[in-house]
Amino acid sequence: MEHKVARYEFLKNWGRLEGIFRKFRIMRLDDLKFFKRVAELGSLSAAGREFGLSPSAASSRLTTLEKDLGTQLLARTTRRTSLTEAGKVFLRHAASAISELQTAREIIDAAEETPRGILRITSNVFFGRKHILPHLAEFRRLYPDLRIEIDMSDRIIDLMEEGYDVGVRGGPMPDSSLLMRKIGENPRVLCASPEYLSRKGAPRTPEDLRNHDCIGYDPMPVWYFNGPEGEIAWQIEDPMVSGDNGDFAYDAALYGLGLTVKSLAHIWEDLRDGRLVAVMEDYPIARTGNIYAVYPSAKFVPPKISVFIDFLISKVGRPAYWEMDYRSAAAARKTAVGQ
């Protein structure tokens, strides 16, 4: 019964409230802020003093607002000031509008602002060396007021705690509060040097790996392949050589020490130029990821962050240049074999 009465009262007042919302669109931001402050302080004169208004000017400002809306917002006596029902409705929407308008103003100001200051970037080692550093000179020419600090490390960094603006990683960051933009896809391949393959031959299936030297990489103790009947997990046991660094596994493969799993973004040039060879391509690596730019969540993104990410995406391309090079080289090899 109470619910029906409340709904009846709401519908009865809807015409008046709808009129308020229509007029609300033309309110000045300062009027909204003034009314909100009156409601917070419970005093028209106190709010007036904060806004530099005399008691009569404060009263006149509120009266004008109420006249524009066509309804009374405050019930005033000599002792207290309280919100009417219409005032309570208006306050809720005024507070939301103030927040949205302030955010819009900040976004517009930021968009017009020339990126400047210090841009702190963190990236894993291989991506920083191969895909960020080669383009930084051009980026600096575009944005000379920006100073760059870049940390290249394979450890996962807490951007917020350590004060970084943007992180570039081969996969989503564990902190779900961060915002993410995809830079490019990053498939992985099983590979080895031509010298190793001339000695040991090329494996064709995961079972063949029993007769091969697999390079151990501590963060990746299991290799996953997509087989004809689903995913296949291969546990690397008793590797001939192992380490805890991605560049170690890469160098070990180049020196002919065995097979390793590496991302295309890391080794596409080596595959293209023949220093490494992809094997077992009928069993592609499963659970591959993408390259992401991640940055702290905020109502608006500072220009220095957005221009850097936009620039990096433009340099990587769609699809990423490492994929294009790999596909072109693979197509050329098939054509050569066919001839």
C-alpha atoms as a PDB file:
ATOM      1  CA  MET A   1       0.000   0.000   0.000  1.00  0.00           C
ATOM      2  CA  GLU A   2       2.819   2.416   0.928  1.00  0.00           C
ATOM      3  CA  HIS A   3       4.524   1.636  -2.372  1.00  0.00           C
ATOM      4  CA  LYS A   4       1.338   2.529  -4.324  1.00  0.00           C
ATOM      5  CA  VAL A   5       0.936   5.799  -2.405  1.00  0.00           C
ATOM      6  CA  ALA A   6       4.576   6.753  -3.047  1.00  0.00           C
ATOM      7  CA  ARG A   7       4.207   5.947  -6.750  1.00  0.00           C
ATOM      8  CA  TYR A   8       1.000   8.035  -6.912  1.00  0.00           C
ATOM      9  CA  GLU A   9       2.748  11.013  -5.299  1.00  0.00           C
ATOM     10  CA  PHE A  10       5.660  10.668  -7.711  1.00  0.00           C
ATOM     11  CA  LEU A  11       3.374  10.590 -10.782  1.00  0.00           C
ATOM     12  CA  LYS A  12       1.327  13.483  -9.440  1.00  0.00           C
ATOM     13  CA  ASN A  13       4.456  15.619  -9.136  1.00  0.00           C
ATOM     14  CA  TRP A  14       6.116  14.391 -12.339  1.00  0.00           C
ATOM     15  CA  GLY A  15       4.871  17.254 -14.498  1.00  0.00           C
ATOM     16  CA  ARG A  16       6.369  19.811 -12.117  1.00  0.00           C
ATOM     17  CA  LEU A  17       9.650  17.880 -11.795  1.00  0.00           C
ATOM     18  CA  GLU A  18       9.933  17.425 -15.561  1.00  0.00           C
ATOM     19  CA  GLY A  19       9.684  21.189 -15.909  1.00  0.00           C
ATOM     20  CA  ILE A  20      12.477  21.578 -13.383  1.00  0.00           C
ATOM     21  CA  PHE A  21      14.741  19.209 -15.334  1.00  0.00           C
ATOM     22  CA  ARG A  22      14.084  21.084 -18.600  1.00  0.00           C
ATOM     23  CA  LYS A  23      15.007  24.414 -17.006  1.00  0.00           C
ATOM     24  CA  PHE A  24      17.958  22.791 -15.260  1.00  0.00           C
ATOM     25  CA  ARG A  25      19.744  22.608 -18.594  1.00  0.00           C
ATOM     26  CA  ILE A  26      20.203  26.393 -18.716  1.00  0.00           C
ATOM     27  CA  MET A  27      21.402  26.859 -15.120  1.00  0.00           C
ATOM     28  CA  ARG A  28      24.776  28.535 -14.617  1.00  0.00           C
ATOM     29  CA  LEU A  29      27.443  26.373 -12.976  1.00  0.00           C
ATOM     30  CA  ASP A  30      28.018  29.015 -10.281  1.00  0.00           C
ATOM     31  CA  ASP A  31      24.312  28.978  -9.400  1.00  0.00           C
ATOM     32  CA  LEU A  32      24.412  25.218  -8.975  1.00  0.00           C
ATOM     33  CA  LYS A  33      27.519  25.442  -6.803  1.00  0.00           C
ATOM     34  CA  PHE A  34      25.930  28.173  -4.689  1.00  0.00           C
ATOM     35  CA  PHE A  35      22.739  26.210  -4.114  1.00  0.00           C
ATOM     36  CA  LYS A  36      24.708  23.054  -3.267  1.00  0.00           C
ATOM     37  CA  ARG A  37      26.761  24.971  -0.710  1.00  0.00           C
ATOM     38  CA  VAL A  38      23.625  26.475   0.884  1.00  0.00           C
ATOM     39  CA  ALA A  39      22.228  22.962   1.283  1.00  0.00           C
ATOM     40  CA  GLU A  40      25.515  21.656   2.754  1.00  0.00           C
ATOM     41  CA  LEU A  41      25.855  24.495   5.271  1.00  0.00           C
ATOM     42  CA  GLY A  42      22.142  24.787   6.030  1.00  0.00           C
ATOM     43  CA  SER A  43      22.622  28.540   5.976  1.00  0.00           C
ATOM     44  CA  LEU A  44      22.029  31.028   3.185  1.00  0.00           C
ATOM     45  CA  SER A  45      24.131  33.740   4.785  1.00  0.00           C
ATOM     46  CA  ALA A  46      27.103  31.395   5.443  1.00  0.00           C
ATOM     47  CA  ALA A  47      27.111  30.237   1.826  1.00  0.00           C
ATOM     48  CA  GLY A  48      26.811  33.850   0.708  1.00  0.00           C
ATOM     49  CA  ARG A  49      29.904  34.803   2.711  1.00  0.00           C
ATOM     50  CA  GLU A  50      31.911  32.013   1.034  1.00  0.00           C
ATOM     51  CA  PHE A  51      30.839  33.341  -2.368  1.00  0.00           C
ATOM     52  CA  GLY A  52      31.528  36.957  -1.399  1.00  0.00           C
ATOM     53  CA  LEU A  53      27.839  37.917  -1.377  1.00  0.00           C
ATOM     54  CA  SER A  54      26.030  40.189   1.026  1.00  0.00           C
ATOM     55  CA  PRO A  55      22.962  38.684   2.790  1.00  0.00           C
ATOM     56  CA  SER A  56      20.638  40.534   0.438  1.00  0.00           C
ATOM     57  CA  ALA A  57      22.617  39.464  -2.665  1.00  0.00           C
ATOM     58  CA  ALA A  58      22.648  35.834  -1.484  1.00  0.00           C
ATOM     59  CA  SER A  59      18.891  35.930  -0.923  1.00  0.00           C
ATOM     60  CA  SER A  60      18.370  37.527  -4.320  1.00  0.00           C
ATOM     61  CA  ARG A  61      20.496  34.900  -6.033  1.00  0.00           C
ATOM     62  CA  LEU A  62      18.494  32.060  -4.513  1.00  0.00           C
ATOM     63  CA  THR A  63      15.195  33.773  -5.293  1.00  0.00           C
ATOM     64  CA  THR A  64      16.234  34.172  -8.927  1.00  0.00           C
ATOM     65  CA  LEU A  65      17.154  30.483  -9.098  1.00  0.00           C
ATOM     66  CA  GLU A  66      13.802  29.455  -7.636  1.00  0.00           C
ATOM     67  CA  LYS A  67      11.992  31.799 -10.039  1.00  0.00           C
ATOM     68  CA  ASP A  68      13.842  30.285 -13.022  1.00  0.00           C
ATOM     69  CA  LEU A  69      12.878  26.797 -11.870  1.00  0.00           C
ATOM     70  CA  GLY A  70       9.331  27.743 -11.007  1.00  0.00           C
ATOM     71  CA  THR A  71       9.449  26.079  -7.595  1.00  0.00           C
ATOM     72  CA  GLN A  72      10.627  26.699  -4.036  1.00  0.00           C
ATOM     73  CA  LEU A  73      13.885  24.962  -3.187  1.00  0.00           C
ATOM     74  CA  LEU A  74      14.375  26.043   0.438  1.00  0.00           C
ATOM     75  CA  ALA A  75      12.010  26.531   3.336  1.00  0.00           C
ATOM     76  CA  ARG A  76      13.424  29.528   5.247  1.00  0.00           C
ATOM     77  CA  THR A  77      12.693  30.738   8.740  1.00  0.00           C
ATOM     78  CA  THR A  78      14.604  33.094  11.003  1.00  0.00           C
ATOM     79  CA  ARG A  79      16.238  30.081  12.702  1.00  0.00           C
ATOM     80  CA  ARG A  80      16.867  27.520   9.992  1.00  0.00           C
ATOM     81  CA  THR A  81      16.976  26.761   6.294  1.00  0.00           C
ATOM     82  CA  SER A  82      15.842  23.341   5.042  1.00  0.00           C
ATOM     83  CA  LEU A  83      15.323  21.723   1.652  1.00  0.00           C
ATOM     84  CA  THR A  84      11.841  21.281   0.240  1.00  0.00           C
ATOM     85  CA  GLU A  85      11.039  18.041  -1.609  1.00  0.00           C
ATOM     86  CA  ALA A  86      11.772  19.798  -4.904  1.00  0.00           C
ATOM     87  CA  GLY A  87      14.998  21.095  -3.380  1.00  0.00           C
ATOM     88  CA  LYS A  88      16.097  17.577  -2.454  1.00  0.00           C
ATOM     89  CA  VAL A  89      15.462  16.388  -6.013  1.00  0.00           C
ATOM     90  CA  PHE A  90      17.285  19.371  -7.468  1.00  0.00           C
ATOM     91  CA  LEU A  91      20.250  18.942  -5.096  1.00  0.00           C
ATOM     92  CA  ARG A  92      20.842  15.343  -6.183  1.00  0.00           C
ATOM     93  CA  HIS A  93      20.956  16.307  -9.841  1.00  0.00           C
ATOM     94  CA  ALA A  94      22.841  19.547  -9.214  1.00  0.00           C
ATOM     95  CA  ALA A  95      25.657  17.662  -7.446  1.00  0.00           C
ATOM     96  CA  SER A  96      25.885  15.210 -10.344  1.00  0.00           C
ATOM     97  CA  ALA A  97      25.834  18.017 -12.916  1.00  0.00           C
ATOM     98  CA  ILE A  98      28.577  19.956 -11.113  1.00  0.00           C
ATOM     99  CA  SER A  99      30.796  16.874 -11.121  1.00  0.00           C
ATOM    100  CA  GLU A 100      30.146  16.158 -14.803  1.00  0.00           C
ATOM    101  CA  LEU A 101      30.666  19.773 -15.864  1.00  0.00           C
ATOM    102  CA  GLN A 102      33.914  20.051 -13.895  1.00  0.00           C
ATOM    103  CA  THR A 103      35.161  16.817 -15.457  1.00  0.00           C
ATOM    104  CA  ALA A 104      34.204  18.074 -18.924  1.00  0.00           C
ATOM    105  CA  ARG A 105      36.075  21.321 -18.298  1.00  0.00           C
ATOM    106  CA  GLU A 106      39.164  19.412 -17.137  1.00  0.00           C
ATOM    107  CA  ILE A 107      39.030  17.177 -20.222  1.00  0.00           C
ATOM    108  CA  ILE A 108      38.704  20.148 -22.561  1.00  0.00           C
ATOM    109  CA  ASP A 109      41.536  21.989 -20.809  1.00  0.00           C
ATOM    110  CA  ALA A 110      43.698  18.861 -20.964  1.00  0.00           C
ATOM    111  CA  ALA A 111      42.971  18.363 -24.675  1.00  0.00           C
ATOM    112  CA  GLU A 112      44.088  21.915 -25.409  1.00  0.00           C
ATOM    113  CA  GLU A 113      47.164  21.667 -23.222  1.00  0.00           C
ATOM    114  CA  THR A 114      50.532  20.878 -24.812  1.00  0.00           C
ATOM    115  CA  PRO A 115      51.939  17.667 -23.270  1.00  0.00           C
ATOM    116  CA  ARG A 116      54.785  18.623 -20.983  1.00  0.00           C
ATOM    117  CA  GLY A 117      56.611  17.520 -17.859  1.00  0.00           C
ATOM    118  CA  ILE A 118      57.996  14.060 -17.134  1.00  0.00           C
ATOM    119  CA  LEU A 119      56.537  10.912 -18.704  1.00  0.00           C
ATOM    120  CA  ARG A 120      57.515   7.858 -16.666  1.00  0.00           C
ATOM    121  CA  ILE A 121      57.285   4.608 -18.642  1.00  0.00           C
ATOM    122  CA  THR A 122      57.936   1.048 -17.555  1.00  0.00           C
ATOM    123  CA  SER A 123      58.377  -1.810 -20.018  1.00  0.00           C
ATOM    124  CA  ASN A 124      59.816  -5.285 -20.046  1.00  0.00           C
ATOM    125  CA  VAL A 125      63.352  -5.391 -21.409  1.00  0.00           C
ATOM    126  CA  PHE A 126      62.856  -6.788 -24.906  1.00  0.00           C
ATOM    127  CA  PHE A 127      59.861  -4.598 -25.800  1.00  0.00           C
ATOM    128  CA  GLY A 128      61.537  -1.451 -24.525  1.00  0.00           C
ATOM    129  CA  ARG A 129      64.728  -2.141 -26.480  1.00  0.00           C
ATOM    130  CA  LYS A 130      63.097  -3.299 -29.711  1.00  0.00           C
ATOM    131  CA  HIS A 131      59.854  -1.331 -29.946  1.00  0.00           C
ATOM    132  CA  ILE A 132      60.045   1.820 -27.794  1.00  0.00           C
ATOM    133  CA  LEU A 133      63.633   3.081 -27.887  1.00  0.00           C
ATOM    134  CA  PRO A 134      63.857   3.063 -31.728  1.00  0.00           C
ATOM    135  CA  HIS A 135      60.930   5.519 -31.895  1.00  0.00           C
ATOM    136  CA  LEU A 136      61.687   7.811 -28.944  1.00  0.00           C
ATOM    137  CA  ALA A 137      63.709  10.320 -30.975  1.00  0.00           C
ATOM    138  CA  GLU A 138      60.729  10.902 -33.271  1.00  0.00           C
ATOM    139  CA  PHE A 139      58.372  11.127 -30.298  1.00  0.00           C
ATOM    140  CA  ARG A 140      60.622  13.736 -28.649  1.00  0.00           C
ATOM    141  CA  ARG A 141      60.636  15.811 -31.839  1.00  0.00           C
ATOM    142  CA  LEU A 142      56.837  15.810 -31.783  1.00  0.00           C
ATOM    143  CA  TYR A 143      56.629  16.689 -28.076  1.00  0.00           C
ATOM    144  CA  PRO A 144      59.800  18.602 -27.126  1.00  0.00           C
ATOM    145  CA  ASP A 145      58.344  19.757 -23.779  1.00  0.00           C
ATOM    146  CA  LEU A 146      58.157  16.156 -22.550  1.00  0.00           C
ATOM    147  CA  ARG A 147      61.036  14.536 -20.687  1.00  0.00           C
ATOM    148  CA  ILE A 148      61.113  10.721 -20.785  1.00  0.00           C
ATOM    149  CA  GLU A 149      62.070   8.382 -17.967  1.00  0.00           C
ATOM    150  CA  ILE A 150      61.900   4.705 -18.920  1.00  0.00           C
ATOM    151  CA  ASP A 151      62.447   1.690 -16.687  1.00  0.00           C
ATOM    152  CA  MET A 152      63.130  -1.561 -18.526  1.00  0.00           C
ATOM    153  CA  SER A 153      62.640  -4.515 -16.217  1.00  0.00           C
ATOM    154  CA  ASP A 154      61.060  -7.967 -16.371  1.00  0.00           C
ATOM    155  CA  ARG A 155      59.588  -7.556 -12.905  1.00  0.00           C
ATOM    156  CA  ILE A 156      55.915  -6.600 -12.574  1.00  0.00           C
ATOM    157  CA  ILE A 157      55.803  -3.015 -11.320  1.00  0.00           C
ATOM    158  CA  ASP A 158      53.026  -1.408  -9.280  1.00  0.00           C
ATOM    159  CA  LEU A 159      52.393   1.707 -11.368  1.00  0.00           C
ATOM    160  CA  MET A 160      50.490   3.578  -8.676  1.00  0.00           C
ATOM    161  CA  GLU A 161      52.887   2.822  -5.838  1.00  0.00           C
ATOM    162  CA  GLU A 162      56.052   3.519  -7.835  1.00  0.00           C
ATOM    163  CA  GLY A 163      54.714   6.585  -9.639  1.00  0.00           C
ATOM    164  CA  TYR A 164      54.737   5.456 -13.271  1.00  0.00           C
ATOM    165  CA  ASP A 165      52.438   7.030 -15.860  1.00  0.00           C
ATOM    166  CA  VAL A 166      52.201   4.089 -18.237  1.00  0.00           C
ATOM    167  CA  GLY A 167      53.369   0.481 -18.407  1.00  0.00           C
ATOM    168  CA  VAL A 168      53.854  -1.628 -21.545  1.00  0.00           C
ATOM    169  CA  ARG A 169      53.611  -5.364 -20.943  1.00  0.00           C
ATOM    170  CA  GLY A 170      53.047  -8.628 -22.751  1.00  0.00           C
ATOM    171  CA  GLY A 171      49.734  -9.295 -21.041  1.00  0.00           C
ATOM    172  CA  PRO A 172      47.178  -7.721 -18.703  1.00  0.00           C
ATOM    173  CA  MET A 173      48.507  -6.340 -15.442  1.00  0.00           C
ATOM    174  CA  PRO A 174      47.192  -8.011 -12.275  1.00  0.00           C
ATOM    175  CA  ASP A 175      45.814  -4.736 -10.879  1.00  0.00           C
ATOM    176  CA  SER A 176      42.216  -4.583 -12.151  1.00  0.00           C
ATOM    177  CA  SER A 177      41.962  -0.864 -11.315  1.00  0.00           C
ATOM    178  CA  LEU A 178      44.289  -0.032 -14.216  1.00  0.00           C
ATOM    179  CA  LEU A 179      42.998   0.990 -17.636  1.00  0.00           C
ATOM    180  CA  MET A 180      44.269  -0.922 -20.653  1.00  0.00           C
ATOM    181  CA  ARG A 181      44.749  -0.296 -24.375  1.00  0.00           C
ATOM    182  CA  LYS A 182      45.856  -3.014 -26.765  1.00  0.00           C
ATOM    183  CA  ILE A 183      49.059  -2.245 -28.661  1.00  0.00           C
ATOM    184  CA  GLY A 184      49.139  -5.410 -30.758  1.00  0.00           C
ATOM    185  CA  GLU A 185      48.757  -9.171 -30.817  1.00  0.00           C
ATOM    186  CA  ASN A 186      51.789 -11.192 -29.806  1.00  0.00           C
ATOM    187  CA  PRO A 187      51.724 -14.877 -30.815  1.00  0.00           C
ATOM    188  CA  ARG A 188      54.481 -17.187 -29.571  1.00  0.00           C
ATOM    189  CA  VAL A 189      56.443 -19.806 -31.482  1.00  0.00           C
ATOM    190  CA  LEU A 190      58.675 -22.743 -30.628  1.00  0.00           C
ATOM    191  CA  CYS A 191      62.048 -22.060 -32.206  1.00  0.00           C
ATOM    192  CA  ALA A 192      65.714 -23.007 -32.390  1.00  0.00           C
ATOM    193  CA  SER A 193      68.830 -21.999 -34.301  1.00  0.00           C
ATOM    194  CA  PRO A 194      69.647 -23.573 -37.683  1.00  0.00           C
ATOM    195  CA  GLU A 195      72.834 -24.979 -36.133  1.00  0.00           C
ATOM    196  CA  TYR A 196      70.870 -26.819 -33.421  1.00  0.00           C
ATOM    197  CA  LEU A 197      68.345 -28.179 -35.920  1.00  0.00           C
ATOM    198  CA  SER A 198      71.153 -29.453 -38.183  1.00  0.00           C
ATOM    199  CA  ARG A 199      72.451 -31.498 -35.233  1.00  0.00           C
ATOM    200  CA  LYS A 200      69.228 -32.680 -33.645  1.00  0.00           C
ATOM    201  CA  GLY A 201      66.608 -32.372 -36.368  1.00  0.00           C
ATOM    202  CA  ALA A 202      63.265 -30.575 -36.062  1.00  0.00           C
ATOM    203  CA  PRO A 203      60.562 -31.942 -33.751  1.00  0.00           C
ATOM    204  CA  ARG A 204      57.189 -32.538 -35.401  1.00  0.00           C
ATOM    205  CA  THR A 205      54.977 -33.297 -32.400  1.00  0.00           C
ATOM    206  CA  PRO A 206      55.147 -32.618 -28.621  1.00  0.00           C
ATOM    207  CA  GLU A 207      56.184 -36.252 -28.079  1.00  0.00           C
ATOM    208  CA  ASP A 208      59.315 -35.615 -30.136  1.00  0.00           C
ATOM    209  CA  LEU A 209      60.461 -33.134 -27.495  1.00  0.00           C
ATOM    210  CA  ARG A 210      61.574 -36.087 -25.360  1.00  0.00           C
ATOM    211  CA  ASN A 211      64.578 -36.388 -27.673  1.00  0.00           C
ATOM    212  CA  HIS A 212      65.425 -32.689 -27.691  1.00  0.00           C
ATOM    213  CA  ASP A 213      67.176 -30.123 -25.516  1.00  0.00           C
ATOM    214  CA  CYS A 214      64.594 -27.716 -24.122  1.00  0.00           C
ATOM    215  CA  ILE A 215      65.833 -24.434 -22.687  1.00  0.00           C
ATOM    216  CA  GLY A 216      64.336 -23.871 -19.238  1.00  0.00           C
ATOM    217  CA  TYR A 217      62.820 -20.508 -18.351  1.00  0.00           C
ATOM    218  CA  ASP A 218      61.689 -20.369 -14.715  1.00  0.00           C
ATOM    219  CA  PRO A 219      58.495 -18.293 -15.226  1.00  0.00           C
ATOM    220  CA  MET A 220      57.361 -20.746 -17.952  1.00  0.00           C
ATOM    221  CA  PRO A 221      57.908 -24.328 -16.682  1.00  0.00           C
ATOM    222  CA  VAL A 222      55.147 -25.714 -18.943  1.00  0.00           C
ATOM    223  CA  TRP A 223      54.702 -25.264 -22.687  1.00  0.00           C
ATOM    224  CA  TYR A 224      51.155 -25.428 -24.043  1.00  0.00           C
ATOM    225  CA  PHE A 225      50.365 -26.439 -27.619  1.00  0.00           C
ATOM    226  CA  ASN A 226      47.148 -26.501 -29.641  1.00  0.00           C
ATOM    227  CA  GLY A 227      46.822 -30.043 -30.998  1.00  0.00           C
ATOM    228  CA  PRO A 228      44.240 -31.705 -33.245  1.00  0.00           C
ATOM    229  CA  GLU A 229      42.271 -32.860 -30.188  1.00  0.00           C
ATOM    230  CA  GLY A 230      42.773 -29.829 -27.966  1.00  0.00           C
ATOM    231  CA  GLU A 231      45.423 -28.343 -25.739  1.00  0.00           C
ATOM    232  CA  ILE A 232      48.582 -30.305 -24.927  1.00  0.00           C
ATOM    233  CA  ALA A 233      50.722 -29.448 -21.884  1.00  0.00           C
ATOM    234  CA  TRP A 234      54.429 -30.250 -21.990  1.00  0.00           C
ATOM    235  CA  GLN A 235      56.300 -30.096 -18.656  1.00  0.00           C
ATOM    236  CA  ILE A 236      59.952 -29.189 -19.123  1.00  0.00           C
ATOM    237  CA  GLU A 237      61.893 -31.670 -16.988  1.00  0.00           C
ATOM    238  CA  ASP A 238      65.655 -31.678 -16.425  1.00  0.00           C
ATOM    239  CA  PRO A 239      66.494 -28.950 -18.979  1.00  0.00           C
ATOM    240  CA  MET A 240      70.095 -28.944 -20.159  1.00  0.00           C
ATOM    241  CA  VAL A 241      70.261 -25.234 -19.364  1.00  0.00           C
ATOM    242  CA  SER A 242      67.822 -22.911 -17.602  1.00  0.00           C
ATOM    243  CA  GLY A 243      67.503 -19.343 -16.330  1.00  0.00           C
ATOM    244  CA  ASP A 244      65.066 -16.792 -14.971  1.00  0.00           C
ATOM    245  CA  ASN A 245      65.386 -14.126 -17.672  1.00  0.00           C
ATOM    246  CA  GLY A 246      63.629 -13.936 -21.031  1.00  0.00           C
ATOM    247  CA  ASP A 247      66.709 -12.591 -22.775  1.00  0.00           C
ATOM    248  CA  PHE A 248      68.726 -15.530 -21.404  1.00  0.00           C
ATOM    249  CA  ALA A 249      66.416 -18.048 -23.132  1.00  0.00           C
ATOM    250  CA  TYR A 250      66.600 -15.990 -26.331  1.00  0.00           C
ATOM    251  CA  ASP A 251      70.407 -15.839 -26.333  1.00  0.00           C
ATOM    252  CA  ALA A 252      70.671 -19.542 -25.432  1.00  0.00           C
ATOM    253  CA  ALA A 253      68.564 -20.432 -28.480  1.00  0.00           C
ATOM    254  CA  LEU A 254      70.675 -18.210 -30.755  1.00  0.00           C
ATOM    255  CA  TYR A 255      73.830 -19.962 -29.492  1.00  0.00           C
ATOM    256  CA  GLY A 256      72.414 -23.358 -30.414  1.00  0.00           C
ATOM    257  CA  LEU A 257      71.707 -24.650 -26.903  1.00  0.00           C
ATOM    258  CA  GLY A 258      68.200 -25.910 -27.679  1.00  0.00           C
ATOM    259  CA  LEU A 259      64.541 -25.115 -28.225  1.00  0.00           C
ATOM    260  CA  THR A 260      62.656 -22.268 -26.585  1.00  0.00           C
ATOM    261  CA  VAL A 261      59.278 -20.550 -26.772  1.00  0.00           C
ATOM    262  CA  LYS A 262      59.480 -16.867 -27.659  1.00  0.00           C
ATOM    263  CA  SER A 263      57.037 -14.188 -28.755  1.00  0.00           C
ATOM    264  CA  LEU A 264      56.984 -12.844 -32.291  1.00  0.00           C
ATOM    265  CA  ALA A 265      57.469  -9.311 -30.979  1.00  0.00           C
ATOM    266  CA  HIS A 266      60.778 -10.515 -29.540  1.00  0.00           C
ATOM    267  CA  ILE A 267      62.230 -12.649 -32.342  1.00  0.00           C
ATOM    268  CA  TRP A 268      60.473 -11.617 -35.574  1.00  0.00           C
ATOM    269  CA  GLU A 269      63.718 -10.224 -37.043  1.00  0.00           C
ATOM    270  CA  ASP A 270      65.600 -13.428 -36.207  1.00  0.00           C
ATOM    271  CA  LEU A 271      62.910 -15.538 -37.885  1.00  0.00           C
ATOM    272  CA  ARG A 272      62.853 -13.228 -40.901  1.00  0.00           C
ATOM    273  CA  ASP A 273      66.642 -13.224 -41.282  1.00  0.00           C
ATOM    274  CA  GLY A 274      67.147 -16.940 -40.550  1.00  0.00           C
ATOM    275  CA  ARG A 275      68.971 -16.708 -37.212  1.00  0.00           C
ATOM    276  CA  LEU A 276      66.108 -18.684 -35.641  1.00  0.00           C
ATOM    277  CA  VAL A 277      63.664 -21.125 -37.203  1.00  0.00           C
ATOM    278  CA  ALA A 278      60.076 -21.774 -36.089  1.00  0.00           C
ATOM    279  CA  VAL A 279      59.287 -25.476 -35.653  1.00  0.00           C
ATOM    280  CA  MET A 280      56.228 -27.624 -34.935  1.00  0.00           C
ATOM    281  CA  GLU A 281      53.951 -25.083 -36.614  1.00  0.00           C
ATOM    282  CA  ASP A 282      51.216 -27.728 -36.896  1.00  0.00           C
ATOM    283  CA  TYR A 283      51.097 -27.501 -33.085  1.00  0.00           C
ATOM    284  CA  PRO A 284      50.972 -23.746 -32.492  1.00  0.00           C
ATOM    285  CA  ILE A 285      51.695 -22.381 -29.050  1.00  0.00           C
ATOM    286  CA  ALA A 286      48.529 -22.019 -26.951  1.00  0.00           C
ATOM    287  CA  ARG A 287      47.759 -19.371 -24.312  1.00  0.00           C
ATOM    288  CA  THR A 288      49.459 -16.563 -26.205  1.00  0.00           C
ATOM    289  CA  GLY A 289      48.757 -12.985 -25.255  1.00  0.00           C
ATOM    290  CA  ASN A 290      48.777  -9.423 -26.484  1.00  0.00           C
ATOM    291  CA  ILE A 291      50.881  -6.352 -25.813  1.00  0.00           C
ATOM    292  CA  TYR A 292      49.042  -3.761 -23.694  1.00  0.00           C
ATOM    293  CA  ALA A 293      49.642  -0.223 -22.523  1.00  0.00           C
ATOM    294  CA  VAL A 294      48.276   0.146 -18.994  1.00  0.00           C
ATOM    295  CA  TYR A 295      47.803   3.313 -16.969  1.00  0.00           C
ATOM    296  CA  PRO A 296      46.097   4.427 -13.745  1.00  0.00           C
ATOM    297  CA  SER A 297      42.348   4.911 -13.791  1.00  0.00           C
ATOM    298  CA  ALA A 298      41.189   8.541 -13.718  1.00  0.00           C
ATOM    299  CA  LYS A 299      38.269  10.681 -14.856  1.00  0.00           C
ATOM    300  CA  PHE A 300      40.407  11.846 -17.764  1.00  0.00           C
ATOM    301  CA  VAL A 301      43.731  10.716 -19.174  1.00  0.00           C
ATOM    302  CA  PRO A 302      46.573  13.276 -19.020  1.00  0.00           C
ATOM    303  CA  PRO A 303      47.681  14.361 -22.519  1.00  0.00           C
ATOM    304  CA  LYS A 304      51.217  13.048 -22.013  1.00  0.00           C
ATOM    305  CA  ILE A 305      49.851   9.513 -21.551  1.00  0.00           C
ATOM    306  CA  SER A 306      47.315   9.564 -24.374  1.00  0.00           C
ATOM    307  CA  VAL A 307      49.735  11.008 -26.954  1.00  0.00           C
ATOM    308  CA  PHE A 308      52.391   8.414 -26.078  1.00  0.00           C
ATOM    309  CA  ILE A 309      49.986   5.478 -26.390  1.00  0.00           C
ATOM    310  CA  ASP A 310      48.500   6.855 -29.628  1.00  0.00           C
ATOM    311  CA  PHE A 311      52.009   7.315 -31.013  1.00  0.00           C
ATOM    312  CA  LEU A 312      53.095   3.790 -30.056  1.00  0.00           C
ATOM    313  CA  ILE A 313      49.983   2.232 -31.615  1.00  0.00           C
ATOM    314  CA  SER A 314      50.589   4.206 -34.816  1.00  0.00           C
ATOM    315  CA  LYS A 315      54.184   2.954 -35.026  1.00  0.00           C
ATOM    316  CA  VAL A 316      53.243  -0.687 -34.350  1.00  0.00           C
ATOM    317  CA  GLY A 317      50.426  -0.676 -36.920  1.00  0.00           C
ATOM    318  CA  ARG A 318      47.432  -2.965 -37.491  1.00  0.00           C
ATOM    319  CA  PRO A 319      48.335  -5.792 -37.672  1.00  0.00           C
ATOM    320  CA  ALA A 320      51.591  -5.297 -35.796  1.00  0.00           C
ATOM    321  CA  TYR A 321      54.689  -5.068 -37.981  1.00  0.00           C
ATOM    322  CA  TRP A 322      56.245  -8.112 -36.275  1.00  0.00           C
ATOM    323  CA  GLU A 323      53.286 -10.213 -37.449  1.00  0.00           C
ATOM    324  CA  MET A 324      53.452  -8.773 -40.959  1.00  0.00           C
ATOM    325  CA  ASP A 325      57.184  -9.525 -41.252  1.00  0.00           C
ATOM    326  CA  TYR A 326      56.699 -13.063 -39.959  1.00  0.00           C
ATOM    327  CA  ARG A 327      53.816 -13.782 -42.334  1.00  0.00           C
ATOM    328  CA  SER A 328      55.699 -12.336 -45.313  1.00  0.00           C
ATOM    329  CA  ALA A 329      58.794 -14.405 -44.526  1.00  0.00           C
ATOM    330  CA  ALA A 330      56.700 -17.578 -44.075  1.00  0.00           C
ATOM    331  CA  ALA A 331      54.930 -16.980 -47.400  1.00  0.00           C
ATOM    332  CA  ALA A 332      58.288 -16.437 -49.129  1.00  0.00           C
ATOM    333  CA  ARG A 333      59.635 -19.707 -47.692  1.00  0.00           C
ATOM    334  CA  LYS A 334      56.598 -21.651 -48.943  1.00  0.00           C
ATOM    335  CA  THR A 335      56.980 -20.113 -52.388  1.00  0.00           C
ATOM    336  CA  ALA A 336      60.680 -21.054 -52.451  1.00  0.00           C
ATOM    337  CA  VAL A 337      59.883 -24.650 -51.407  1.00  0.00           C
ATOM    338  CA  GLY A 338      57.184 -24.859 -54.081  1.00  0.00           C
ATOM    339  CA  GLN A 339      59.666 -23.879 -56.759  1.00  0.00           C
END
